[in-house]
């Protein structure tokens, strides 16, 4: 399976599952404890951007997306949503989802 097809399949499965959970919640067919928290995940490549910024170093995805033929439209995550430079803004911006928690780690802060 080609990487693009694989990731599109993963996205379709995630969207399908998300819709199922929302519909279950709306119809009140699922009983969860009051302290149960739904979570979500993402990769740093989806958020960070900052390709070659501040000595960050290259990830395997940086190499992969910059080699011709791996991504159908030739795009890459060099900028992404630029969380690397906008992390303070993200920390004070309300989350526009149903999730009540948002935790992130910026590798620049850990150095």
PDB file of N, CA and C in Angstrom:
ATOM      1  N   UNK A   1       0.852  -1.180   0.000  1.00  0.00           N
ATOM      2  CA  UNK A   1       0.000   0.000   0.000  1.00  0.00           C
ATOM      3  C   UNK A   1       0.895   1.239   0.000  1.00  0.00           C
ATOM      4  N   UNK A   2       0.583   2.187  -0.857  1.00  0.00           N
ATOM      5  CA  UNK A   2       1.361   3.421  -0.922  1.00  0.00           C
ATOM      6  C   UNK A   2       1.119   4.246   0.342  1.00  0.00           C
ATOM      7  N   UNK A   3       2.140   5.020   0.781  1.00  0.00           N
ATOM      8  CA  UNK A   3       1.986   5.811   2.014  1.00  0.00           C
ATOM      9  C   UNK A   3       0.777   6.740   2.002  1.00  0.00           C
ATOM     10  N   UNK A   4       0.532   7.410   0.876  1.00  0.00           N
ATOM     11  CA  UNK A   4      -0.600   8.347   0.828  1.00  0.00           C
ATOM     12  C   UNK A   4      -1.921   7.606   1.008  1.00  0.00           C
ATOM     13  N   UNK A   5      -2.041   6.440   0.379  1.00  0.00           N
ATOM     14  CA  UNK A   5      -3.261   5.641   0.510  1.00  0.00           C
ATOM     15  C   UNK A   5      -3.415   5.164   1.953  1.00  0.00           C
ATOM     16  N   UNK A   6      -2.314   4.753   2.549  1.00  0.00           N
ATOM     17  CA  UNK A   6      -2.337   4.300   3.944  1.00  0.00           C
ATOM     18  C   UNK A   6      -2.846   5.403   4.862  1.00  0.00           C
ATOM     19  N   UNK A   7      -2.308   6.609   4.726  1.00  0.00           N
ATOM     20  CA  UNK A   7      -2.704   7.703   5.623  1.00  0.00           C
ATOM     21  C   UNK A   7      -4.133   8.157   5.353  1.00  0.00           C
ATOM     22  N   UNK A   8      -4.567   8.113   4.089  1.00  0.00           N
ATOM     23  CA  UNK A   8      -5.960   8.444   3.798  1.00  0.00           C
ATOM     24  C   UNK A   8      -6.893   7.407   4.428  1.00  0.00           C
ATOM     25  N   UNK A   9      -6.481   6.145   4.404  1.00  0.00           N
ATOM     26  CA  UNK A   9      -7.272   5.087   5.030  1.00  0.00           C
ATOM     27  C   UNK A   9      -7.351   5.299   6.537  1.00  0.00           C
ATOM     28  N   UNK A  10      -6.216   5.621   7.153  1.00  0.00           N
ATOM     29  CA  UNK A  10      -6.204   5.896   8.597  1.00  0.00           C
ATOM     30  C   UNK A  10      -7.120   7.063   8.937  1.00  0.00           C
ATOM     31  N   UNK A  11      -7.072   8.109   8.127  1.00  0.00           N
ATOM     32  CA  UNK A  11      -7.923   9.274   8.365  1.00  0.00           C
ATOM     33  C   UNK A  11      -9.397   8.900   8.244  1.00  0.00           C
ATOM     34  N   UNK A  12      -9.735   8.108   7.233  1.00  0.00           N
ATOM     35  CA  UNK A  12     -11.126   7.686   7.051  1.00  0.00           C
ATOM     36  C   UNK A  12     -11.612   6.868   8.244  1.00  0.00           C
ATOM     37  N   UNK A  13     -10.762   5.986   8.745  1.00  0.00           N
ATOM     38  CA  UNK A  13     -11.130   5.182   9.913  1.00  0.00           C
ATOM     39  C   UNK A  13     -11.331   6.080  11.130  1.00  0.00           C
ATOM     40  N   UNK A  14     -10.420   7.041  11.324  1.00  0.00           N
ATOM     41  CA  UNK A  14     -10.534   7.965  12.458  1.00  0.00           C
ATOM     42  C   UNK A  14     -11.821   8.768  12.378  1.00  0.00           C
ATOM     43  N   UNK A  15     -12.126   9.297  11.194  1.00  0.00           N
ATOM     44  CA  UNK A  15     -13.343  10.101  11.031  1.00  0.00           C
ATOM     45  C   UNK A  15     -14.577   9.238  11.295  1.00  0.00           C
ATOM     46  N   UNK A  16     -14.566   8.008  10.782  1.00  0.00           N
ATOM     47  CA  UNK A  16     -15.696   7.106  11.008  1.00  0.00           C
ATOM     48  C   UNK A  16     -15.879   6.829  12.492  1.00  0.00           C
ATOM     49  N   UNK A  17     -14.786   6.553  13.184  1.00  0.00           N
ATOM     50  CA  UNK A  17     -14.851   6.272  14.618  1.00  0.00           C
ATOM     51  C   UNK A  17     -15.319   7.504  15.379  1.00  0.00           C
ATOM     52  N   UNK A  18     -14.828   8.685  14.994  1.00  0.00           N
ATOM     53  CA  UNK A  18     -15.234   9.920  15.670  1.00  0.00           C
ATOM     54  C   UNK A  18     -16.731  10.143  15.532  1.00  0.00           C
ATOM     55  N   UNK A  19     -17.255   9.927  14.338  1.00  0.00           N
ATOM     56  CA  UNK A  19     -18.690  10.077  14.115  1.00  0.00           C
ATOM     57  C   UNK A  19     -19.495   9.099  14.943  1.00  0.00           C
ATOM     58  N   UNK A  20     -18.995   7.879  15.068  1.00  0.00           N
ATOM     59  CA  UNK A  20     -19.661   6.865  15.885  1.00  0.00           C
ATOM     60  C   UNK A  20     -19.713   7.301  17.336  1.00  0.00           C
ATOM     61  N   UNK A  21     -18.595   7.798  17.856  1.00  0.00           N
ATOM     62  CA  UNK A  21     -18.559   8.211  19.257  1.00  0.00           C
ATOM     63  C   UNK A  21     -19.461   9.415  19.498  1.00  0.00           C
ATOM     64  N   UNK A  22     -19.486  10.350  18.558  1.00  0.00           N
ATOM     65  CA  UNK A  22     -20.358  11.514  18.710  1.00  0.00           C
ATOM     66  C   UNK A  22     -21.811  11.075  18.698  1.00  0.00           C
ATOM     67  N   UNK A  23     -22.169  10.178  17.763  1.00  0.00           N
ATOM     68  CA  UNK A  23     -23.560   9.738  17.703  1.00  0.00           C
ATOM     69  C   UNK A  23     -23.940   8.962  18.961  1.00  0.00           C
ATOM     70  N   UNK A  24     -23.013   8.174  19.502  1.00  0.00           N
ATOM     71  CA  UNK A  24     -23.300   7.464  20.755  1.00  0.00           C
ATOM     72  C   UNK A  24     -23.521   8.451  21.891  1.00  0.00           C
ATOM     73  N   UNK A  25     -22.685   9.472  21.931  1.00  0.00           N
ATOM     74  CA  UNK A  25     -22.815  10.469  22.997  1.00  0.00           C
ATOM     75  C   UNK A  25     -24.145  11.206  22.875  1.00  0.00           C
ATOM     76  N   UNK A  26     -24.520  11.566  21.652  1.00  0.00           N
ATOM     77  CA  UNK A  26     -25.743  12.327  21.457  1.00  0.00           C
ATOM     78  C   UNK A  26     -26.980  11.508  21.794  1.00  0.00           C
ATOM     79  N   UNK A  27     -26.936  10.210  21.552  1.00  0.00           N
ATOM     80  CA  UNK A  27     -28.100   9.381  21.852  1.00  0.00           C
ATOM     81  C   UNK A  27     -28.051   8.822  23.263  1.00  0.00           C
ATOM     82  N   UNK A  28     -26.996   9.140  23.998  1.00  0.00           N
ATOM     83  CA  UNK A  28     -26.840   8.736  25.395  1.00  0.00           C
ATOM     84  C   UNK A  28     -26.878   7.218  25.565  1.00  0.00           C
ATOM     85  N   UNK A  29     -26.306   6.497  24.604  1.00  0.00           N
ATOM     86  CA  UNK A  29     -26.265   5.043  24.682  1.00  0.00           C
ATOM     87  C   UNK A  29     -24.991   4.555  25.355  1.00  0.00           C
ATOM     88  N   UNK A  30     -24.059   5.441  25.620  1.00  0.00           N
ATOM     89  CA  UNK A  30     -22.808   5.063  26.258  1.00  0.00           C
ATOM     90  C   UNK A  30     -22.777   5.700  27.640  1.00  0.00           C
ATOM     91  N   UNK A  31     -22.500   4.896  28.631  1.00  0.00           N
ATOM     92  CA  UNK A  31     -22.427   5.403  29.991  1.00  0.00           C
ATOM     93  C   UNK A  31     -20.966   5.408  30.429  1.00  0.00           C
ATOM     94  N   UNK A  32     -20.437   6.578  30.679  1.00  0.00           N
ATOM     95  CA  UNK A  32     -19.048   6.728  31.094  1.00  0.00           C
ATOM     96  C   UNK A  32     -19.009   7.408  32.455  1.00  0.00           C
ATOM     97  N   UNK A  33     -17.964   7.131  33.203  1.00  0.00           N
ATOM     98  CA  UNK A  33     -17.840   7.769  34.511  1.00  0.00           C
ATOM     99  C   UNK A  33     -17.654   9.274  34.340  1.00  0.00           C
ATOM    100  N   UNK A  34     -17.967  10.020  35.353  1.00  0.00           N
ATOM    101  CA  UNK A  34     -17.901  11.484  35.266  1.00  0.00           C
ATOM    102  C   UNK A  34     -16.480  12.005  35.099  1.00  0.00           C
ATOM    103  N   UNK A  35     -15.478  11.220  35.459  1.00  0.00           N
ATOM    104  CA  UNK A  35     -14.093  11.689  35.317  1.00  0.00           C
ATOM    105  C   UNK A  35     -13.405  11.129  34.069  1.00  0.00           C
ATOM    106  N   UNK A  36     -14.167  10.492  33.176  1.00  0.00           N
ATOM    107  CA  UNK A  36     -13.600   9.960  31.936  1.00  0.00           C
ATOM    108  C   UNK A  36     -13.280  11.108  30.987  1.00  0.00           C
ATOM    109  N   UNK A  37     -12.104  11.085  30.397  1.00  0.00           N
ATOM    110  CA  UNK A  37     -11.701  12.105  29.432  1.00  0.00           C
ATOM    111  C   UNK A  37     -11.386  11.453  28.095  1.00  0.00           C
ATOM    112  N   UNK A  38     -11.973  11.973  27.025  1.00  0.00           N
ATOM    113  CA  UNK A  38     -11.589  11.542  25.693  1.00  0.00           C
ATOM    114  C   UNK A  38     -10.277  12.222  25.352  1.00  0.00           C
ATOM    115  N   UNK A  39      -9.477  11.571  24.573  1.00  0.00           N
ATOM    116  CA  UNK A  39      -8.205  12.156  24.174  1.00  0.00           C
ATOM    117  C   UNK A  39      -8.021  12.097  22.676  1.00  0.00           C
ATOM    118  N   UNK A  40      -7.028  12.775  22.235  1.00  0.00           N
ATOM    119  CA  UNK A  40      -6.668  12.776  20.825  1.00  0.00           C
ATOM    120  C   UNK A  40      -5.155  12.867  20.738  1.00  0.00           C
ATOM    121  N   UNK A  41      -4.626  12.583  19.588  1.00  0.00           N
ATOM    122  CA  UNK A  41      -3.174  12.612  19.431  1.00  0.00           C
ATOM    123  C   UNK A  41      -2.808  13.177  18.069  1.00  0.00           C
ATOM    124  N   UNK A  42      -1.617  13.665  17.985  1.00  0.00           N
ATOM    125  CA  UNK A  42      -1.084  14.142  16.712  1.00  0.00           C
ATOM    126  C   UNK A  42       0.425  13.965  16.767  1.00  0.00           C
ATOM    127  N   UNK A  43       1.040  14.155  15.654  1.00  0.00           N
ATOM    128  CA  UNK A  43       2.503  14.054  15.638  1.00  0.00           C
ATOM    129  C   UNK A  43       3.104  15.448  15.596  1.00  0.00           C
ATOM    130  N   UNK A  44       4.329  15.548  16.027  1.00  0.00           N
ATOM    131  CA  UNK A  44       4.997  16.852  15.988  1.00  0.00           C
ATOM    132  C   UNK A  44       5.108  17.349  14.552  1.00  0.00           C
ATOM    133  N   UNK A  45       5.238  16.432  13.606  1.00  0.00           N
ATOM    134  CA  UNK A  45       5.364  16.843  12.207  1.00  0.00           C
ATOM    135  C   UNK A  45       4.097  17.547  11.725  1.00  0.00           C
ATOM    136  N   UNK A  46       2.934  17.161  12.253  1.00  0.00           N
ATOM    137  CA  UNK A  46       1.683  17.797  11.869  1.00  0.00           C
ATOM    138  C   UNK A  46       1.566  19.214  12.424  1.00  0.00           C
ATOM    139  N   UNK A  47       2.191  19.478  13.544  1.00  0.00           N
ATOM    140  CA  UNK A  47       2.025  20.753  14.222  1.00  0.00           C
ATOM    141  C   UNK A  47       3.221  21.685  14.131  1.00  0.00           C
ATOM    142  N   UNK A  48       4.406  21.157  14.334  1.00  0.00           N
ATOM    143  CA  UNK A  48       5.562  22.021  14.539  1.00  0.00           C
ATOM    144  C   UNK A  48       5.907  22.920  13.367  1.00  0.00           C
ATOM    145  N   UNK A  49       6.121  22.334  12.205  1.00  0.00           N
ATOM    146  CA  UNK A  49       6.701  23.132  11.136  1.00  0.00           C
ATOM    147  C   UNK A  49       8.144  23.417  11.501  1.00  0.00           C
ATOM    148  N   UNK A  50       8.599  24.617  11.283  1.00  0.00           N
ATOM    149  CA  UNK A  50       9.940  25.059  11.691  1.00  0.00           C
ATOM    150  C   UNK A  50      11.056  24.224  11.077  1.00  0.00           C
ATOM    151  N   UNK A  51      10.896  23.856   9.833  1.00  0.00           N
ATOM    152  CA  UNK A  51      11.919  23.092   9.130  1.00  0.00           C
ATOM    153  C   UNK A  51      13.243  23.841   9.200  1.00  0.00           C
ATOM    154  N   UNK A  52      14.255  23.226   9.755  1.00  0.00           N
ATOM    155  CA  UNK A  52      15.613  23.765   9.894  1.00  0.00           C
ATOM    156  C   UNK A  52      15.705  25.000  10.800  1.00  0.00           C
ATOM    157  N   UNK A  53      14.731  25.237  11.659  1.00  0.00           N
ATOM    158  CA  UNK A  53      14.782  26.388  12.566  1.00  0.00           C
ATOM    159  C   UNK A  53      15.541  26.055  13.843  1.00  0.00           C
ATOM    160  N   UNK A  54      16.334  26.980  14.315  1.00  0.00           N
ATOM    161  CA  UNK A  54      16.981  26.907  15.627  1.00  0.00           C
ATOM    162  C   UNK A  54      17.751  25.611  15.878  1.00  0.00           C
ATOM    163  N   UNK A  55      18.311  25.033  14.841  1.00  0.00           N
ATOM    164  CA  UNK A  55      19.068  23.796  15.006  1.00  0.00           C
ATOM    165  C   UNK A  55      18.211  22.607  15.396  1.00  0.00           C
ATOM    166  N   UNK A  56      16.926  22.655  15.071  1.00  0.00           N
ATOM    167  CA  UNK A  56      15.965  21.623  15.448  1.00  0.00           C
ATOM    168  C   UNK A  56      16.361  20.241  14.940  1.00  0.00           C
ATOM    169  N   UNK A  57      16.986  20.181  13.806  1.00  0.00           N
ATOM    170  CA  UNK A  57      17.358  18.887  13.245  1.00  0.00           C
ATOM    171  C   UNK A  57      16.254  18.320  12.375  1.00  0.00           C
ATOM    172  N   UNK A  58      16.609  17.387  11.549  1.00  0.00           N
ATOM    173  CA  UNK A  58      15.664  16.802  10.605  1.00  0.00           C
ATOM    174  C   UNK A  58      15.057  15.522  11.167  1.00  0.00           C
ATOM    175  N   UNK A  59      13.787  15.339  10.892  1.00  0.00           N
ATOM    176  CA  UNK A  59      13.119  14.100  11.284  1.00  0.00           C
ATOM    177  C   UNK A  59      13.061  13.170  10.078  1.00  0.00           C
ATOM    178  N   UNK A  60      12.629  11.941  10.299  1.00  0.00           N
ATOM    179  CA  UNK A  60      12.481  11.020   9.176  1.00  0.00           C
ATOM    180  C   UNK A  60      11.437  11.530   8.190  1.00  0.00           C
ATOM    181  N   UNK A  61      10.409  12.241   8.682  1.00  0.00           N
ATOM    182  CA  UNK A  61       9.393  12.796   7.789  1.00  0.00           C
ATOM    183  C   UNK A  61       9.943  13.945   6.952  1.00  0.00           C
ATOM    184  N   UNK A  62      10.867  14.717   7.489  1.00  0.00           N
ATOM    185  CA  UNK A  62      11.500  15.771   6.690  1.00  0.00           C
ATOM    186  C   UNK A  62      12.195  15.152   5.485  1.00  0.00           C
ATOM    187  N   UNK A  63      12.955  14.104   5.718  1.00  0.00           N
ATOM    188  CA  UNK A  63      13.630  13.424   4.609  1.00  0.00           C
ATOM    189  C   UNK A  63      12.619  12.824   3.639  1.00  0.00           C
ATOM    190  N   UNK A  64      11.628  12.133   4.179  1.00  0.00           N
ATOM    191  CA  UNK A  64      10.649  11.426   3.360  1.00  0.00           C
ATOM    192  C   UNK A  64       9.886  12.370   2.439  1.00  0.00           C
ATOM    193  N   UNK A  65       9.386  13.482   2.972  1.00  0.00           N
ATOM    194  CA  UNK A  65       8.559  14.379   2.155  1.00  0.00           C
ATOM    195  C   UNK A  65       9.360  15.233   1.190  1.00  0.00           C
ATOM    196  N   UNK A  66      10.663  15.342   1.401  1.00  0.00           N
ATOM    197  CA  UNK A  66      11.475  16.120   0.473  1.00  0.00           C
ATOM    198  C   UNK A  66      12.041  15.287  -0.667  1.00  0.00           C
ATOM    199  N   UNK A  67      11.852  13.977  -0.626  1.00  0.00           N
ATOM    200  CA  UNK A  67      12.257  13.123  -1.736  1.00  0.00           C
ATOM    201  C   UNK A  67      11.100  13.038  -2.716  1.00  0.00           C
ATOM    202  N   UNK A  68      11.379  13.251  -3.978  1.00  0.00           N
ATOM    203  CA  UNK A  68      10.342  13.240  -5.012  1.00  0.00           C
ATOM    204  C   UNK A  68       9.627  11.891  -5.052  1.00  0.00           C
ATOM    205  N   UNK A  69       8.316  11.959  -5.268  1.00  0.00           N
ATOM    206  CA  UNK A  69       7.525  10.764  -5.462  1.00  0.00           C
ATOM    207  C   UNK A  69       6.844  10.202  -4.231  1.00  0.00           C
ATOM    208  N   UNK A  70       7.167  10.684  -3.059  1.00  0.00           N
ATOM    209  CA  UNK A  70       6.547  10.142  -1.844  1.00  0.00           C
ATOM    210  C   UNK A  70       5.189  10.773  -1.549  1.00  0.00           C
ATOM    211  N   UNK A  71       5.026  12.040  -1.849  1.00  0.00           N
ATOM    212  CA  UNK A  71       3.765  12.735  -1.598  1.00  0.00           C
ATOM    213  C   UNK A  71       3.212  13.170  -2.945  1.00  0.00           C
ATOM    214  N   UNK A  72       1.991  12.768  -3.229  1.00  0.00           N
ATOM    215  CA  UNK A  72       1.402  12.956  -4.556  1.00  0.00           C
ATOM    216  C   UNK A  72       1.488  14.398  -5.050  1.00  0.00           C
ATOM    217  N   UNK A  73       1.128  15.365  -4.210  1.00  0.00           N
ATOM    218  CA  UNK A  73       1.141  16.765  -4.658  1.00  0.00           C
ATOM    219  C   UNK A  73       2.462  17.475  -4.358  1.00  0.00           C
ATOM    220  N   UNK A  74       3.435  16.754  -3.803  1.00  0.00           N
ATOM    221  CA  UNK A  74       4.746  17.341  -3.535  1.00  0.00           C
ATOM    222  C   UNK A  74       4.808  18.218  -2.300  1.00  0.00           C
ATOM    223  N   UNK A  75       3.741  18.253  -1.513  1.00  0.00           N
ATOM    224  CA  UNK A  75       3.727  19.112  -0.324  1.00  0.00           C
ATOM    225  C   UNK A  75       4.547  18.495   0.804  1.00  0.00           C
ATOM    226  N   UNK A  76       4.806  19.299   1.819  1.00  0.00           N
ATOM    227  CA  UNK A  76       5.547  18.827   2.990  1.00  0.00           C
ATOM    228  C   UNK A  76       5.096  19.636   4.205  1.00  0.00           C
ATOM    229  N   UNK A  77       5.645  19.330   5.351  1.00  0.00           N
ATOM    230  CA  UNK A  77       5.253  20.013   6.583  1.00  0.00           C
ATOM    231  C   UNK A  77       6.255  21.048   7.047  1.00  0.00           C
ATOM    232  N   UNK A  78       6.956  21.683   6.119  1.00  0.00           N
ATOM    233  CA  UNK A  78       7.975  22.658   6.512  1.00  0.00           C
ATOM    234  C   UNK A  78       7.403  23.768   7.387  1.00  0.00           C
ATOM    235  N   UNK A  79       6.173  24.162   7.120  1.00  0.00           N
ATOM    236  CA  UNK A  79       5.535  25.205   7.924  1.00  0.00           C
ATOM    237  C   UNK A  79       4.463  24.598   8.828  1.00  0.00           C
ATOM    238  N   UNK A  80       3.674  23.661   8.322  1.00  0.00           N
ATOM    239  CA  UNK A  80       2.572  23.027   9.060  1.00  0.00           C
ATOM    240  C   UNK A  80       1.702  24.117   9.690  1.00  0.00           C
ATOM    241  N   UNK A  81       1.316  23.970  10.948  1.00  0.00           N
ATOM    242  CA  UNK A  81       0.557  25.036  11.615  1.00  0.00           C
ATOM    243  C   UNK A  81       1.479  25.929  12.432  1.00  0.00           C
ATOM    244  N   UNK A  82       2.772  25.698  12.305  1.00  0.00           N
ATOM    245  CA  UNK A  82       3.825  26.514  12.920  1.00  0.00           C
ATOM    246  C   UNK A  82       3.694  26.630  14.435  1.00  0.00           C
ATOM    247  N   UNK A  83       3.357  25.536  15.063  1.00  0.00           N
ATOM    248  CA  UNK A  83       3.259  25.500  16.522  1.00  0.00           C
ATOM    249  C   UNK A  83       4.611  25.782  17.171  1.00  0.00           C
ATOM    250  N   UNK A  84       5.675  25.496  16.468  1.00  0.00           N
ATOM    251  CA  UNK A  84       7.032  25.714  16.978  1.00  0.00           C
ATOM    252  C   UNK A  84       7.251  27.178  17.349  1.00  0.00           C
ATOM    253  N   UNK A  85       6.744  28.083  16.521  1.00  0.00           N
ATOM    254  CA  UNK A  85       6.918  29.515  16.776  1.00  0.00           C
ATOM    255  C   UNK A  85       5.713  30.140  17.479  1.00  0.00           C
ATOM    256  N   UNK A  86       4.554  29.469  17.437  1.00  0.00           N
ATOM    257  CA  UNK A  86       3.326  30.060  17.962  1.00  0.00           C
ATOM    258  C   UNK A  86       2.816  29.349  19.213  1.00  0.00           C
ATOM    259  N   UNK A  87       3.694  28.655  19.941  1.00  0.00           N
ATOM    260  CA  UNK A  87       3.238  27.857  21.084  1.00  0.00           C
ATOM    261  C   UNK A  87       2.628  28.707  22.193  1.00  0.00           C
ATOM    262  N   UNK A  88       3.126  29.914  22.408  1.00  0.00           N
ATOM    263  CA  UNK A  88       2.538  30.759  23.457  1.00  0.00           C
ATOM    264  C   UNK A  88       1.124  31.183  23.087  1.00  0.00           C
ATOM    265  N   UNK A  89       0.922  31.494  21.816  1.00  0.00           N
ATOM    266  CA  UNK A  89      -0.411  31.847  21.330  1.00  0.00           C
ATOM    267  C   UNK A  89      -1.363  30.662  21.514  1.00  0.00           C
ATOM    268  N   UNK A  90      -0.880  29.464  21.218  1.00  0.00           N
ATOM    269  CA  UNK A  90      -1.712  28.265  21.365  1.00  0.00           C
ATOM    270  C   UNK A  90      -2.064  28.008  22.822  1.00  0.00           C
ATOM    271  N   UNK A  91      -1.173  28.351  23.724  1.00  0.00           N
ATOM    272  CA  UNK A  91      -1.406  28.100  25.147  1.00  0.00           C
ATOM    273  C   UNK A  91      -2.519  28.972  25.717  1.00  0.00           C
ATOM    274  N   UNK A  92      -2.776  30.132  25.114  1.00  0.00           N
ATOM    275  CA  UNK A  92      -3.810  31.025  25.650  1.00  0.00           C
ATOM    276  C   UNK A  92      -5.061  31.084  24.778  1.00  0.00           C
ATOM    277  N   UNK A  93      -5.049  30.390  23.640  1.00  0.00           N
ATOM    278  CA  UNK A  93      -6.196  30.392  22.741  1.00  0.00           C
ATOM    279  C   UNK A  93      -7.162  29.283  23.148  1.00  0.00           C
ATOM    280  N   UNK A  94      -8.448  29.584  23.273  1.00  0.00           N
ATOM    281  CA  UNK A  94      -9.409  28.531  23.617  1.00  0.00           C
ATOM    282  C   UNK A  94      -9.422  27.432  22.556  1.00  0.00           C
ATOM    283  N   UNK A  95      -9.650  26.220  22.993  1.00  0.00           N
ATOM    284  CA  UNK A  95      -9.664  25.082  22.082  1.00  0.00           C
ATOM    285  C   UNK A  95     -11.037  24.998  21.425  1.00  0.00           C
ATOM    286  N   UNK A  96     -11.106  25.066  20.083  1.00  0.00           N
ATOM    287  CA  UNK A  96     -12.404  25.068  19.398  1.00  0.00           C
ATOM    288  C   UNK A  96     -12.947  23.658  19.161  1.00  0.00           C
ATOM    289  N   UNK A  97     -12.856  22.781  20.153  1.00  0.00           N
ATOM    290  CA  UNK A  97     -13.373  21.420  20.036  1.00  0.00           C
ATOM    291  C   UNK A  97     -14.086  21.057  21.324  1.00  0.00           C
ATOM    292  N   UNK A  98     -14.560  19.852  21.365  1.00  0.00           N
ATOM    293  CA  UNK A  98     -15.226  19.361  22.569  1.00  0.00           C
ATOM    294  C   UNK A  98     -14.227  18.887  23.618  1.00  0.00           C
ATOM    295  N   UNK A  99     -12.956  18.847  23.271  1.00  0.00           N
ATOM    296  CA  UNK A  99     -11.955  18.381  24.222  1.00  0.00           C
ATOM    297  C   UNK A  99     -11.678  19.457  25.263  1.00  0.00           C
ATOM    298  N   UNK A 100     -11.581  19.047  26.511  1.00  0.00           N
ATOM    299  CA  UNK A 100     -11.378  19.999  27.590  1.00  0.00           C
ATOM    300  C   UNK A 100      -9.913  20.198  27.936  1.00  0.00           C
ATOM    301  N   UNK A 101      -9.065  19.346  27.438  1.00  0.00           N
ATOM    302  CA  UNK A 101      -7.632  19.428  27.736  1.00  0.00           C
ATOM    303  C   UNK A 101      -6.840  19.481  26.439  1.00  0.00           C
ATOM    304  N   UNK A 102      -5.758  20.225  26.471  1.00  0.00           N
ATOM    305  CA  UNK A 102      -4.822  20.241  25.347  1.00  0.00           C
ATOM    306  C   UNK A 102      -3.436  20.345  25.940  1.00  0.00           C
ATOM    307  N   UNK A 103      -2.660  19.302  25.776  1.00  0.00           N
ATOM    308  CA  UNK A 103      -1.300  19.312  26.298  1.00  0.00           C
ATOM    309  C   UNK A 103      -0.345  19.215  25.121  1.00  0.00           C
ATOM    310  N   UNK A 104       0.699  19.989  25.185  1.00  0.00           N
ATOM    311  CA  UNK A 104       1.672  19.928  24.105  1.00  0.00           C
ATOM    312  C   UNK A 104       3.067  20.032  24.672  1.00  0.00           C
ATOM    313  N   UNK A 105       4.010  19.579  23.877  1.00  0.00           N
ATOM    314  CA  UNK A 105       5.414  19.682  24.248  1.00  0.00           C
ATOM    315  C   UNK A 105       6.132  20.295  23.061  1.00  0.00           C
ATOM    316  N   UNK A 106       6.833  21.365  23.305  1.00  0.00           N
ATOM    317  CA  UNK A 106       7.632  21.989  22.269  1.00  0.00           C
ATOM    318  C   UNK A 106       9.078  21.595  22.533  1.00  0.00           C
ATOM    319  N   UNK A 107       9.695  20.909  21.594  1.00  0.00           N
ATOM    320  CA  UNK A 107      11.066  20.439  21.796  1.00  0.00           C
ATOM    321  C   UNK A 107      12.035  21.573  22.097  1.00  0.00           C
ATOM    322  N   UNK A 108      11.738  22.764  21.624  1.00  0.00           N
ATOM    323  CA  UNK A 108      12.636  23.896  21.870  1.00  0.00           C
ATOM    324  C   UNK A 108      12.689  24.230  23.361  1.00  0.00           C
ATOM    325  N   UNK A 109      11.602  23.982  24.070  1.00  0.00           N
ATOM    326  CA  UNK A 109      11.566  24.291  25.495  1.00  0.00           C
ATOM    327  C   UNK A 109      12.357  23.281  26.315  1.00  0.00           C
ATOM    328  N   UNK A 110      12.525  22.086  25.768  1.00  0.00           N
ATOM    329  CA  UNK A 110      13.224  21.044  26.501  1.00  0.00           C
ATOM    330  C   UNK A 110      14.732  21.091  26.343  1.00  0.00           C
ATOM    331  N   UNK A 111      15.244  21.980  25.499  1.00  0.00           N
ATOM    332  CA  UNK A 111      16.689  22.043  25.248  1.00  0.00           C
ATOM    333  C   UNK A 111      17.372  22.988  26.192  1.00  0.00           C
TER     334      UNK A 111
END
